[in-house]
Amino acid sequence: MTLETGGALLRVVYHSVSLISRTPGAFRAEIAGILEACARRNPRLGVTGVLIYERGRFVQLLEGPPEGVDALLDDIENDIRHAMFKVLWRTRAHERLFERWSMAFVDADAAPLAPEAPGTWEGAGPSELAARLAFAAETLSVLSVPVAPEGAQRGAPVSSCTRMTGTGTG
């Protein structure tokens, strides 16, 4: 399914410090709740992306129409499950990196990135961060919420999260 944006896309990457408990079950339940919310809201806003957890931090790439991305960012910035929210970069794009996923989640602590992974999160420019996010999504196990199939009711939950390995970017 191709998501129409009526023009250029906005792509934003931010990072923050997780405040979610890592006690057994608590972390998974919170992430499942986040992905369920993404399944309901992101298709309606035309937003896709990936959320990565690594060493107590979140790094997330959002892409879509500027008004949709900005609406999500406003909510994300005020979410009590994280702190020290900082936008790393904000840029226009002509095509999506994660077209198939309303949101994907990668727990890089469970399967760390290989030494050959491009760059680091901090201080990286847009292309380096995009390459690192794509590398993580291609090489690590990914929980994802697919974009609603054509003809599905907008705003309706798409499906439960599915576990995929090595599915690549969309």
Protein backbone atom coordinates (compact mmCIF):
# COMPACT_ATOMS: atom_id res chain seq x y z
CA MET A 1 0.00 0.00 0.00
CA THR A 2 1.34 3.43 -0.87
CA LEU A 3 0.49 6.17 1.57
CA GLU A 4 -0.39 9.40 -0.19
CA THR A 5 1.06 12.50 1.41
CA GLY A 6 0.07 15.16 -1.08
CA GLY A 7 3.67 16.31 -1.43
CA ALA A 8 6.94 16.12 0.42
CA LEU A 9 7.25 14.02 3.54
CA LEU A 10 8.62 15.20 6.83
CA ARG A 11 11.16 12.87 8.46
CA VAL A 12 12.09 13.42 12.11
CA VAL A 13 14.43 11.49 14.39
CA TYR A 14 14.49 12.08 18.14
CA HIS A 15 16.02 10.38 21.13
CA SER A 16 15.02 10.25 24.76
CA VAL A 17 15.71 8.39 27.99
CA SER A 18 13.27 5.60 28.83
CA LEU A 19 11.45 5.73 32.17
CA ILE A 20 9.74 2.39 31.57
CA SER A 21 10.48 -0.31 34.16
CA ARG A 22 12.58 -3.20 32.86
CA THR A 23 11.01 -5.61 35.35
CA PRO A 24 9.74 -8.83 33.77
CA GLY A 25 6.59 -8.18 31.79
CA ALA A 26 6.34 -4.44 32.48
CA PHE A 27 8.53 -3.35 29.57
CA ARG A 28 6.83 -5.69 27.08
CA ALA A 29 3.38 -4.53 28.22
CA GLU A 30 4.26 -0.86 27.78
CA ILE A 31 5.77 -1.44 24.33
CA ALA A 32 2.71 -3.48 23.30
CA GLY A 33 0.53 -0.56 24.42
CA ILE A 34 2.61 1.87 22.36
CA LEU A 35 2.39 -0.32 19.27
CA GLU A 36 -1.37 -0.79 19.70
CA ALA A 37 -1.78 3.01 19.86
CA CYS A 38 0.36 3.28 16.70
CA ALA A 39 -1.91 0.78 14.93
CA ARG A 40 -4.92 2.95 15.72
CA ARG A 41 -3.49 6.41 15.10
CA ASN A 42 -0.58 6.31 12.65
CA PRO A 43 -2.49 5.09 9.56
CA ARG A 44 -5.07 7.85 10.09
CA LEU A 45 -2.26 10.44 10.24
CA GLY A 46 -0.30 8.84 7.37
CA VAL A 47 2.74 8.31 9.63
CA THR A 48 5.17 5.39 9.47
CA GLY A 49 8.44 4.73 11.27
CA VAL A 50 10.55 2.72 13.65
CA LEU A 51 11.19 2.93 17.41
CA ILE A 52 14.47 1.51 18.72
CA TYR A 53 15.32 0.87 22.36
CA GLU A 54 19.01 0.67 23.20
CA ARG A 55 20.78 0.98 26.56
CA GLY A 56 17.92 2.76 28.31
CA ARG A 57 17.21 5.16 25.45
CA PHE A 58 14.69 5.42 22.68
CA VAL A 59 15.56 6.54 19.17
CA GLN A 60 12.60 6.97 16.86
CA LEU A 61 12.20 7.91 13.22
CA LEU A 62 8.79 9.23 12.16
CA GLU A 63 7.89 10.02 8.56
CA GLY A 64 4.75 11.29 6.91
CA PRO A 65 2.81 14.46 6.17
CA PRO A 66 4.19 17.34 8.27
CA GLU A 67 0.89 17.88 10.11
CA GLY A 68 0.68 14.18 11.05
CA VAL A 69 4.28 13.93 12.22
CA ASP A 70 4.00 17.17 14.21
CA ALA A 71 0.77 15.99 15.88
CA LEU A 72 2.52 12.80 17.02
CA LEU A 73 5.63 14.66 18.14
CA ASP A 74 3.54 16.93 20.37
CA ASP A 75 2.08 13.88 22.12
CA ILE A 76 5.37 11.98 22.24
CA GLU A 77 7.26 14.89 23.76
CA ASN A 78 4.77 15.02 26.64
CA ASP A 79 4.62 11.24 27.20
CA ILE A 80 5.54 10.32 30.80
CA ARG A 81 7.27 7.10 29.73
CA HIS A 82 10.42 8.97 28.75
CA ALA A 83 12.45 12.10 29.54
CA MET A 84 15.14 14.27 27.99
CA PHE A 85 13.34 14.33 24.63
CA LYS A 86 15.54 15.85 21.93
CA VAL A 87 14.98 16.10 18.19
CA LEU A 88 18.20 15.03 16.45
CA TRP A 89 17.10 16.12 13.00
CA ARG A 90 14.13 17.16 10.97
CA THR A 91 14.19 17.06 7.17
CA ARG A 92 12.04 16.74 4.07
CA ALA A 93 12.01 13.47 2.14
CA HIS A 94 10.54 12.33 -1.16
CA GLU A 95 10.05 8.67 -0.26
CA ARG A 96 9.55 6.64 2.89
CA LEU A 97 12.14 4.42 4.52
CA PHE A 98 9.50 2.40 6.39
CA GLU A 99 6.47 2.36 4.10
CA ARG A 100 5.12 -1.01 5.26
CA TRP A 101 5.08 -0.30 8.98
CA SER A 102 2.80 2.10 10.85
CA MET A 103 5.45 1.51 13.50
CA ALA A 104 8.16 -1.07 14.06
CA PHE A 105 9.95 -1.69 17.35
CA VAL A 106 13.50 -2.97 17.73
CA ASP A 107 14.92 -3.91 21.15
CA ALA A 108 18.61 -3.49 20.36
CA ASP A 109 19.48 -4.55 23.92
CA ALA A 110 18.03 -7.99 23.21
CA ALA A 111 20.07 -8.25 19.99
CA PRO A 112 22.80 -5.60 19.90
CA LEU A 113 23.81 -4.03 16.63
CA ALA A 114 26.84 -5.59 15.01
CA PRO A 115 30.16 -3.72 15.09
CA GLU A 116 29.80 -2.98 11.37
CA ALA A 117 26.57 -1.00 12.00
CA PRO A 118 26.97 2.52 10.65
CA GLY A 119 27.80 5.25 13.16
CA THR A 120 26.25 6.05 16.52
CA TRP A 121 23.02 7.79 17.49
CA GLU A 122 24.55 10.91 18.99
CA GLY A 123 26.09 13.46 16.67
CA ALA A 124 25.03 11.63 13.51
CA GLY A 125 23.61 13.49 10.55
CA PRO A 126 20.37 12.56 8.78
CA SER A 127 21.87 10.09 6.32
CA GLU A 128 23.99 8.36 8.97
CA LEU A 129 21.02 8.05 11.35
CA ALA A 130 18.77 6.80 8.56
CA ALA A 131 21.41 4.19 7.65
CA ARG A 132 21.70 3.06 11.27
CA LEU A 133 17.92 2.80 11.66
CA ALA A 134 17.63 0.86 8.40
CA PHE A 135 20.50 -1.44 9.44
CA ALA A 136 18.76 -2.16 12.76
CA ALA A 137 15.43 -2.82 11.07
CA GLU A 138 17.04 -5.15 8.51
CA THR A 139 19.26 -7.16 10.81
CA LEU A 140 17.49 -7.38 14.18
CA SER A 141 14.24 -9.03 15.19
CA VAL A 142 11.48 -6.50 14.70
CA LEU A 143 8.03 -6.26 16.24
CA SER A 144 5.89 -4.34 13.79
CA VAL A 145 2.43 -3.07 13.17
CA PRO A 146 1.85 -3.20 9.41
CA VAL A 147 0.20 -0.36 7.56
CA ALA A 148 -3.55 -1.02 7.16
CA PRO A 149 -4.25 -3.06 4.05
CA GLU A 150 -6.11 -1.30 1.25
CA GLY A 151 -9.83 -1.21 1.96
CA ALA A 152 -9.38 -1.55 5.73
CA GLN A 153 -11.26 0.89 7.88
CA ARG A 154 -9.05 3.86 8.74
CA GLY A 155 -8.27 4.14 12.42
CA ALA A 156 -9.25 0.53 13.13
CA PRO A 157 -6.61 -1.70 14.71
CA VAL A 158 -4.74 -3.44 11.91
CA SER A 159 -3.53 -6.55 13.65
CA SER A 160 -1.62 -7.59 16.68
CA CYS A 161 2.10 -7.07 16.51
CA THR A 162 3.95 -9.67 14.51
CA ARG A 163 7.49 -10.80 15.10
CA MET A 164 9.63 -10.63 12.01
CA THR A 165 13.30 -11.22 11.41
CA GLY A 166 15.30 -9.72 8.58
CA THR A 167 12.30 -8.24 6.78
CA GLY A 168 14.07 -5.11 5.64
CA THR A 169 12.67 -1.66 5.17
CA GLY A 170 9.72 -0.67 3.11
